[in-house]
């Protein structure tokens, strides 16, 4: 997964863990494990005890998963 180095676009929301879990269907430990492995967007540190993810990065992750599924089905 490519690391994003630019600032988020205007209107890009920060999603908290509960919404990321709901949108992806992945469990919390899996999200952090995949982020460490570089196969899921890394969270943004928002404070000492809080993190979030850019909505655009989660959307891109889901779009890539769908594209990969479609490529595998076409082969």
PDB file of N, CA and C in Angstrom:
ATOM      1  N   UNK A   1       0.848  -1.179   0.000  1.00  0.00           N
ATOM      2  CA  UNK A   1       0.000   0.000   0.000  1.00  0.00           C
ATOM      3  C   UNK A   1       0.882   1.227   0.000  1.00  0.00           C
ATOM      4  N   UNK A   2       0.564   2.181  -0.819  1.00  0.00           N
ATOM      5  CA  UNK A   2       1.341   3.403  -0.949  1.00  0.00           C
ATOM      6  C   UNK A   2       1.053   4.336   0.218  1.00  0.00           C
ATOM      7  N   UNK A   3       2.085   4.969   0.732  1.00  0.00           N
ATOM      8  CA  UNK A   3       1.928   5.913   1.832  1.00  0.00           C
ATOM      9  C   UNK A   3       1.601   7.287   1.287  1.00  0.00           C
ATOM     10  N   UNK A   4       0.600   7.908   1.854  1.00  0.00           N
ATOM     11  CA  UNK A   4       0.181   9.233   1.419  1.00  0.00           C
ATOM     12  C   UNK A   4       1.030  10.274   2.137  1.00  0.00           C
ATOM     13  N   UNK A   5       1.604  11.218   1.384  1.00  0.00           N
ATOM     14  CA  UNK A   5       2.464  12.226   1.991  1.00  0.00           C
ATOM     15  C   UNK A   5       1.898  13.637   1.832  1.00  0.00           C
ATOM     16  N   UNK A   6       0.769  13.768   1.176  1.00  0.00           N
ATOM     17  CA  UNK A   6       0.181  15.086   0.980  1.00  0.00           C
ATOM     18  C   UNK A   6      -0.862  15.354   2.057  1.00  0.00           C
ATOM     19  N   UNK A   7      -1.207  16.597   2.174  1.00  0.00           N
ATOM     20  CA  UNK A   7      -2.245  16.966   3.126  1.00  0.00           C
ATOM     21  C   UNK A   7      -3.600  16.474   2.641  1.00  0.00           C
ATOM     22  N   UNK A   8      -4.512  16.186   3.559  1.00  0.00           N
ATOM     23  CA  UNK A   8      -5.843  15.752   3.139  1.00  0.00           C
ATOM     24  C   UNK A   8      -6.553  16.868   2.384  1.00  0.00           C
ATOM     25  N   UNK A   9      -7.416  16.465   1.477  1.00  0.00           N
ATOM     26  CA  UNK A   9      -8.165  17.465   0.714  1.00  0.00           C
ATOM     27  C   UNK A   9      -9.215  18.113   1.613  1.00  0.00           C
ATOM     28  N   UNK A  10      -9.623  19.293   1.231  1.00  0.00           N
ATOM     29  CA  UNK A  10     -10.632  20.008   1.993  1.00  0.00           C
ATOM     30  C   UNK A  10     -11.903  19.163   2.026  1.00  0.00           C
ATOM     31  N   UNK A  11     -12.461  18.992   3.177  1.00  0.00           N
ATOM     32  CA  UNK A  11     -13.671  18.199   3.324  1.00  0.00           C
ATOM     33  C   UNK A  11     -13.401  16.731   3.596  1.00  0.00           C
ATOM     34  N   UNK A  12     -12.122  16.322   3.597  1.00  0.00           N
ATOM     35  CA  UNK A  12     -11.784  14.933   3.905  1.00  0.00           C
ATOM     36  C   UNK A  12     -12.027  14.711   5.393  1.00  0.00           C
ATOM     37  N   UNK A  13     -12.905  13.780   5.705  1.00  0.00           N
ATOM     38  CA  UNK A  13     -13.252  13.502   7.100  1.00  0.00           C
ATOM     39  C   UNK A  13     -12.234  12.587   7.756  1.00  0.00           C
ATOM     40  N   UNK A  14     -12.128  12.699   9.060  1.00  0.00           N
ATOM     41  CA  UNK A  14     -11.333  11.771   9.849  1.00  0.00           C
ATOM     42  C   UNK A  14     -12.308  10.787  10.477  1.00  0.00           C
ATOM     43  N   UNK A  15     -12.095   9.505  10.196  1.00  0.00           N
ATOM     44  CA  UNK A  15     -12.968   8.458  10.715  1.00  0.00           C
ATOM     45  C   UNK A  15     -12.339   7.844  11.953  1.00  0.00           C
ATOM     46  N   UNK A  16     -13.139   7.620  12.964  1.00  0.00           N
ATOM     47  CA  UNK A  16     -12.668   6.960  14.177  1.00  0.00           C
ATOM     48  C   UNK A  16     -12.779   5.460  13.988  1.00  0.00           C
ATOM     49  N   UNK A  17     -12.192   4.709  14.887  1.00  0.00           N
ATOM     50  CA  UNK A  17     -12.051   3.264  14.756  1.00  0.00           C
ATOM     51  C   UNK A  17     -13.390   2.555  14.535  1.00  0.00           C
ATOM     52  N   UNK A  18     -14.427   2.947  15.250  1.00  0.00           N
ATOM     53  CA  UNK A  18     -15.720   2.263  15.115  1.00  0.00           C
ATOM     54  C   UNK A  18     -16.255   2.359  13.688  1.00  0.00           C
ATOM     55  N   UNK A  19     -16.106   3.519  13.069  1.00  0.00           N
ATOM     56  CA  UNK A  19     -16.600   3.684  11.705  1.00  0.00           C
ATOM     57  C   UNK A  19     -15.729   2.931  10.699  1.00  0.00           C
ATOM     58  N   UNK A  20     -14.422   2.896  10.939  1.00  0.00           N
ATOM     59  CA  UNK A  20     -13.530   2.156  10.044  1.00  0.00           C
ATOM     60  C   UNK A  20     -13.849   0.658  10.126  1.00  0.00           C
ATOM     61  N   UNK A  21     -14.080   0.159  11.324  1.00  0.00           N
ATOM     62  CA  UNK A  21     -14.457  -1.245  11.508  1.00  0.00           C
ATOM     63  C   UNK A  21     -15.771  -1.529  10.780  1.00  0.00           C
ATOM     64  N   UNK A  22     -16.738  -0.640  10.932  1.00  0.00           N
ATOM     65  CA  UNK A  22     -18.036  -0.822  10.288  1.00  0.00           C
ATOM     66  C   UNK A  22     -17.922  -0.792   8.763  1.00  0.00           C
ATOM     67  N   UNK A  23     -17.151   0.128   8.239  1.00  0.00           N
ATOM     68  CA  UNK A  23     -17.061   0.285   6.781  1.00  0.00           C
ATOM     69  C   UNK A  23     -16.257  -0.822   6.116  1.00  0.00           C
ATOM     70  N   UNK A  24     -15.234  -1.324   6.800  1.00  0.00           N
ATOM     71  CA  UNK A  24     -14.372  -2.330   6.177  1.00  0.00           C
ATOM     72  C   UNK A  24     -14.775  -3.762   6.516  1.00  0.00           C
ATOM     73  N   UNK A  25     -15.432  -3.950   7.642  1.00  0.00           N
ATOM     74  CA  UNK A  25     -15.755  -5.303   8.090  1.00  0.00           C
ATOM     75  C   UNK A  25     -14.585  -5.990   8.780  1.00  0.00           C
ATOM     76  N   UNK A  26     -13.481  -5.269   8.951  1.00  0.00           N
ATOM     77  CA  UNK A  26     -12.304  -5.810   9.631  1.00  0.00           C
ATOM     78  C   UNK A  26     -12.371  -5.461  11.110  1.00  0.00           C
ATOM     79  N   UNK A  27     -11.831  -6.322  11.943  1.00  0.00           N
ATOM     80  CA  UNK A  27     -11.788  -6.072  13.381  1.00  0.00           C
ATOM     81  C   UNK A  27     -10.623  -5.152  13.727  1.00  0.00           C
ATOM     82  N   UNK A  28     -10.734  -4.512  14.866  1.00  0.00           N
ATOM     83  CA  UNK A  28      -9.730  -3.545  15.321  1.00  0.00           C
ATOM     84  C   UNK A  28      -8.294  -4.093  15.288  1.00  0.00           C
ATOM     85  N   UNK A  29      -8.034  -5.279  15.881  1.00  0.00           N
ATOM     86  CA  UNK A  29      -6.652  -5.775  15.842  1.00  0.00           C
ATOM     87  C   UNK A  29      -6.144  -6.002  14.415  1.00  0.00           C
ATOM     88  N   UNK A  30      -7.028  -6.439  13.532  1.00  0.00           N
ATOM     89  CA  UNK A  30      -6.652  -6.672  12.138  1.00  0.00           C
ATOM     90  C   UNK A  30      -6.270  -5.369  11.450  1.00  0.00           C
ATOM     91  N   UNK A  31      -7.008  -4.298  11.726  1.00  0.00           N
ATOM     92  CA  UNK A  31      -6.691  -2.995  11.134  1.00  0.00           C
ATOM     93  C   UNK A  31      -5.279  -2.558  11.515  1.00  0.00           C
ATOM     94  N   UNK A  32      -4.968  -2.627  12.793  1.00  0.00           N
ATOM     95  CA  UNK A  32      -3.646  -2.197  13.254  1.00  0.00           C
ATOM     96  C   UNK A  32      -2.549  -3.117  12.733  1.00  0.00           C
ATOM     97  N   UNK A  33      -2.818  -4.428  12.682  1.00  0.00           N
ATOM     98  CA  UNK A  33      -1.843  -5.388  12.165  1.00  0.00           C
ATOM     99  C   UNK A  33      -1.542  -5.107  10.691  1.00  0.00           C
ATOM    100  N   UNK A  34      -2.594  -4.882   9.906  1.00  0.00           N
ATOM    101  CA  UNK A  34      -2.409  -4.590   8.479  1.00  0.00           C
ATOM    102  C   UNK A  34      -1.740  -3.237   8.269  1.00  0.00           C
ATOM    103  N   UNK A  35      -2.061  -2.257   9.108  1.00  0.00           N
ATOM    104  CA  UNK A  35      -1.417  -0.938   8.993  1.00  0.00           C
ATOM    105  C   UNK A  35       0.089  -1.075   9.242  1.00  0.00           C
ATOM    106  N   UNK A  36       0.472  -1.857  10.250  1.00  0.00           N
ATOM    107  CA  UNK A  36       1.895  -2.084  10.528  1.00  0.00           C
ATOM    108  C   UNK A  36       2.576  -2.808   9.373  1.00  0.00           C
ATOM    109  N   UNK A  37       1.839  -3.713   8.724  1.00  0.00           N
ATOM    110  CA  UNK A  37       2.386  -4.478   7.602  1.00  0.00           C
ATOM    111  C   UNK A  37       2.412  -3.665   6.309  1.00  0.00           C
ATOM    112  N   UNK A  38       1.741  -2.523   6.301  1.00  0.00           N
ATOM    113  CA  UNK A  38       1.716  -1.677   5.111  1.00  0.00           C
ATOM    114  C   UNK A  38       0.635  -2.055   4.112  1.00  0.00           C
ATOM    115  N   UNK A  39      -0.325  -2.880   4.530  1.00  0.00           N
ATOM    116  CA  UNK A  39      -1.397  -3.307   3.627  1.00  0.00           C
ATOM    117  C   UNK A  39      -2.724  -2.632   3.930  1.00  0.00           C
ATOM    118  N   UNK A  40      -2.697  -1.655   4.810  1.00  0.00           N
ATOM    119  CA  UNK A  40      -3.884  -0.875   5.172  1.00  0.00           C
ATOM    120  C   UNK A  40      -3.400   0.527   5.523  1.00  0.00           C
ATOM    121  N   UNK A  41      -4.210   1.554   5.260  1.00  0.00           N
ATOM    122  CA  UNK A  41      -3.769   2.919   5.596  1.00  0.00           C
ATOM    123  C   UNK A  41      -3.388   3.055   7.072  1.00  0.00           C
ATOM    124  N   UNK A  42      -2.327   3.794   7.319  1.00  0.00           N
ATOM    125  CA  UNK A  42      -1.896   4.018   8.695  1.00  0.00           C
ATOM    126  C   UNK A  42      -2.782   5.071   9.359  1.00  0.00           C
ATOM    127  N   UNK A  43      -3.058   4.892  10.650  1.00  0.00           N
ATOM    128  CA  UNK A  43      -3.880   5.879  11.349  1.00  0.00           C
ATOM    129  C   UNK A  43      -3.108   7.168  11.607  1.00  0.00           C
ATOM    130  N   UNK A  44      -3.868   8.210  11.878  1.00  0.00           N
ATOM    131  CA  UNK A  44      -3.318   9.517  12.226  1.00  0.00           C
ATOM    132  C   UNK A  44      -3.442   9.668  13.738  1.00  0.00           C
ATOM    133  N   UNK A  45      -2.392  10.060  14.378  1.00  0.00           N
ATOM    134  CA  UNK A  45      -2.431  10.299  15.821  1.00  0.00           C
ATOM    135  C   UNK A  45      -3.133  11.638  16.055  1.00  0.00           C
ATOM    136  N   UNK A  46      -4.272  11.596  16.740  1.00  0.00           N
ATOM    137  CA  UNK A  46      -5.050  12.809  17.002  1.00  0.00           C
ATOM    138  C   UNK A  46      -4.792  13.384  18.387  1.00  0.00           C
ATOM    139  N   UNK A  47      -4.332  12.553  19.269  1.00  0.00           N
ATOM    140  CA  UNK A  47      -4.064  12.964  20.639  1.00  0.00           C
ATOM    141  C   UNK A  47      -3.398  11.818  21.364  1.00  0.00           C
ATOM    142  N   UNK A  48      -3.172  11.956  22.668  1.00  0.00           N
ATOM    143  CA  UNK A  48      -2.463  10.906  23.403  1.00  0.00           C
ATOM    144  C   UNK A  48      -3.179   9.553  23.361  1.00  0.00           C
ATOM    145  N   UNK A  49      -4.490   9.560  23.300  1.00  0.00           N
ATOM    146  CA  UNK A  49      -5.251   8.313  23.337  1.00  0.00           C
ATOM    147  C   UNK A  49      -6.251   8.192  22.201  1.00  0.00           C
ATOM    148  N   UNK A  50      -6.011   8.864  21.101  1.00  0.00           N
ATOM    149  CA  UNK A  50      -6.977   8.779  20.005  1.00  0.00           C
ATOM    150  C   UNK A  50      -6.287   8.801  18.648  1.00  0.00           C
ATOM    151  N   UNK A  51      -6.863   8.014  17.747  1.00  0.00           N
ATOM    152  CA  UNK A  51      -6.376   7.955  16.377  1.00  0.00           C
ATOM    153  C   UNK A  51      -7.564   8.008  15.430  1.00  0.00           C
ATOM    154  N   UNK A  52      -7.266   8.281  14.179  1.00  0.00           N
ATOM    155  CA  UNK A  52      -8.308   8.307  13.161  1.00  0.00           C
ATOM    156  C   UNK A  52      -7.691   8.000  11.810  1.00  0.00           C
ATOM    157  N   UNK A  53      -8.542   7.780  10.833  1.00  0.00           N
ATOM    158  CA  UNK A  53      -8.114   7.496   9.464  1.00  0.00           C
ATOM    159  C   UNK A  53      -8.776   8.483   8.531  1.00  0.00           C
ATOM    160  N   UNK A  54      -8.075   8.876   7.475  1.00  0.00           N
ATOM    161  CA  UNK A  54      -8.683   9.744   6.472  1.00  0.00           C
ATOM    162  C   UNK A  54      -9.696   8.940   5.662  1.00  0.00           C
ATOM    163  N   UNK A  55     -10.862   9.492   5.519  1.00  0.00           N
ATOM    164  CA  UNK A  55     -11.925   8.819   4.786  1.00  0.00           C
ATOM    165  C   UNK A  55     -11.488   8.495   3.363  1.00  0.00           C
ATOM    166  N   UNK A  56     -10.762   9.399   2.728  1.00  0.00           N
ATOM    167  CA  UNK A  56     -10.317   9.170   1.350  1.00  0.00           C
ATOM    168  C   UNK A  56      -9.394   7.960   1.255  1.00  0.00           C
ATOM    169  N   UNK A  57      -8.569   7.731   2.262  1.00  0.00           N
ATOM    170  CA  UNK A  57      -7.673   6.580   2.246  1.00  0.00           C
ATOM    171  C   UNK A  57      -8.435   5.277   2.457  1.00  0.00           C
ATOM    172  N   UNK A  58      -9.456   5.304   3.298  1.00  0.00           N
ATOM    173  CA  UNK A  58     -10.290   4.112   3.502  1.00  0.00           C
ATOM    174  C   UNK A  58     -11.069   3.824   2.223  1.00  0.00           C
ATOM    175  N   UNK A  59     -11.605   4.873   1.596  1.00  0.00           N
ATOM    176  CA  UNK A  59     -12.321   4.693   0.324  1.00  0.00           C
ATOM    177  C   UNK A  59     -11.401   4.089  -0.738  1.00  0.00           C
ATOM    178  N   UNK A  60     -10.154   4.561  -0.803  1.00  0.00           N
ATOM    179  CA  UNK A  60      -9.197   4.050  -1.785  1.00  0.00           C
ATOM    180  C   UNK A  60      -8.856   2.590  -1.490  1.00  0.00           C
ATOM    181  N   UNK A  61      -8.713   2.243  -0.222  1.00  0.00           N
ATOM    182  CA  UNK A  61      -8.446   0.861   0.161  1.00  0.00           C
ATOM    183  C   UNK A  61      -9.583  -0.045  -0.299  1.00  0.00           C
ATOM    184  N   UNK A  62     -10.820   0.367  -0.045  1.00  0.00           N
ATOM    185  CA  UNK A  62     -11.972  -0.441  -0.442  1.00  0.00           C
ATOM    186  C   UNK A  62     -12.080  -0.540  -1.963  1.00  0.00           C
ATOM    187  N   UNK A  63     -11.826   0.547  -2.664  1.00  0.00           N
ATOM    188  CA  UNK A  63     -11.874   0.532  -4.131  1.00  0.00           C
ATOM    189  C   UNK A  63     -10.811  -0.417  -4.696  1.00  0.00           C
ATOM    190  N   UNK A  64      -9.623  -0.424  -4.100  1.00  0.00           N
ATOM    191  CA  UNK A  64      -8.556  -1.323  -4.553  1.00  0.00           C
ATOM    192  C   UNK A  64      -8.933  -2.776  -4.301  1.00  0.00           C
ATOM    193  N   UNK A  65      -9.598  -3.052  -3.178  1.00  0.00           N
ATOM    194  CA  UNK A  65     -10.030  -4.418  -2.884  1.00  0.00           C
ATOM    195  C   UNK A  65     -11.056  -4.893  -3.906  1.00  0.00           C
ATOM    196  N   UNK A  66     -11.974  -4.014  -4.286  1.00  0.00           N
ATOM    197  CA  UNK A  66     -12.974  -4.356  -5.296  1.00  0.00           C
ATOM    198  C   UNK A  66     -12.302  -4.577  -6.650  1.00  0.00           C
ATOM    199  N   UNK A  67     -11.359  -3.714  -7.007  1.00  0.00           N
ATOM    200  CA  UNK A  67     -10.650  -3.854  -8.283  1.00  0.00           C
ATOM    201  C   UNK A  67      -9.867  -5.161  -8.318  1.00  0.00           C
ATOM    202  N   UNK A  68      -9.234  -5.518  -7.214  1.00  0.00           N
ATOM    203  CA  UNK A  68      -8.481  -6.765  -7.148  1.00  0.00           C
ATOM    204  C   UNK A  68      -9.420  -7.966  -7.296  1.00  0.00           C
ATOM    205  N   UNK A  69     -10.585  -7.894  -6.660  1.00  0.00           N
ATOM    206  CA  UNK A  69     -11.583  -8.953  -6.789  1.00  0.00           C
ATOM    207  C   UNK A  69     -12.033  -9.097  -8.231  1.00  0.00           C
ATOM    208  N   UNK A  70     -12.292  -7.979  -8.873  1.00  0.00           N
ATOM    209  CA  UNK A  70     -12.782  -7.999 -10.252  1.00  0.00           C
ATOM    210  C   UNK A  70     -11.721  -8.530 -11.222  1.00  0.00           C
ATOM    211  N   UNK A  71     -10.458  -8.187 -10.974  1.00  0.00           N
ATOM    212  CA  UNK A  71      -9.363  -8.694 -11.812  1.00  0.00           C
ATOM    213  C   UNK A  71      -9.233 -10.201 -11.649  1.00  0.00           C
ATOM    214  N   UNK A  72      -9.362 -10.678 -10.415  1.00  0.00           N
ATOM    215  CA  UNK A  72      -9.232 -12.108 -10.155  1.00  0.00           C
ATOM    216  C   UNK A  72     -10.384 -12.879 -10.808  1.00  0.00           C
ATOM    217  N   UNK A  73     -11.562 -12.274 -10.826  1.00  0.00           N
ATOM    218  CA  UNK A  73     -12.725 -12.911 -11.436  1.00  0.00           C
ATOM    219  C   UNK A  73     -12.652 -12.942 -12.943  1.00  0.00           C
ATOM    220  N   UNK A  74     -11.935 -12.003 -13.534  1.00  0.00           N
ATOM    221  CA  UNK A  74     -11.840 -11.905 -14.979  1.00  0.00           C
ATOM    222  C   UNK A  74     -10.745 -12.816 -15.543  1.00  0.00           C
ATOM    223  N   UNK A  75      -9.836 -13.239 -14.684  1.00  0.00           N
ATOM    224  CA  UNK A  75      -8.698 -14.060 -15.151  1.00  0.00           C
ATOM    225  C   UNK A  75      -9.068 -15.497 -15.360  1.00  0.00           C
TER     226      UNK A  75
END
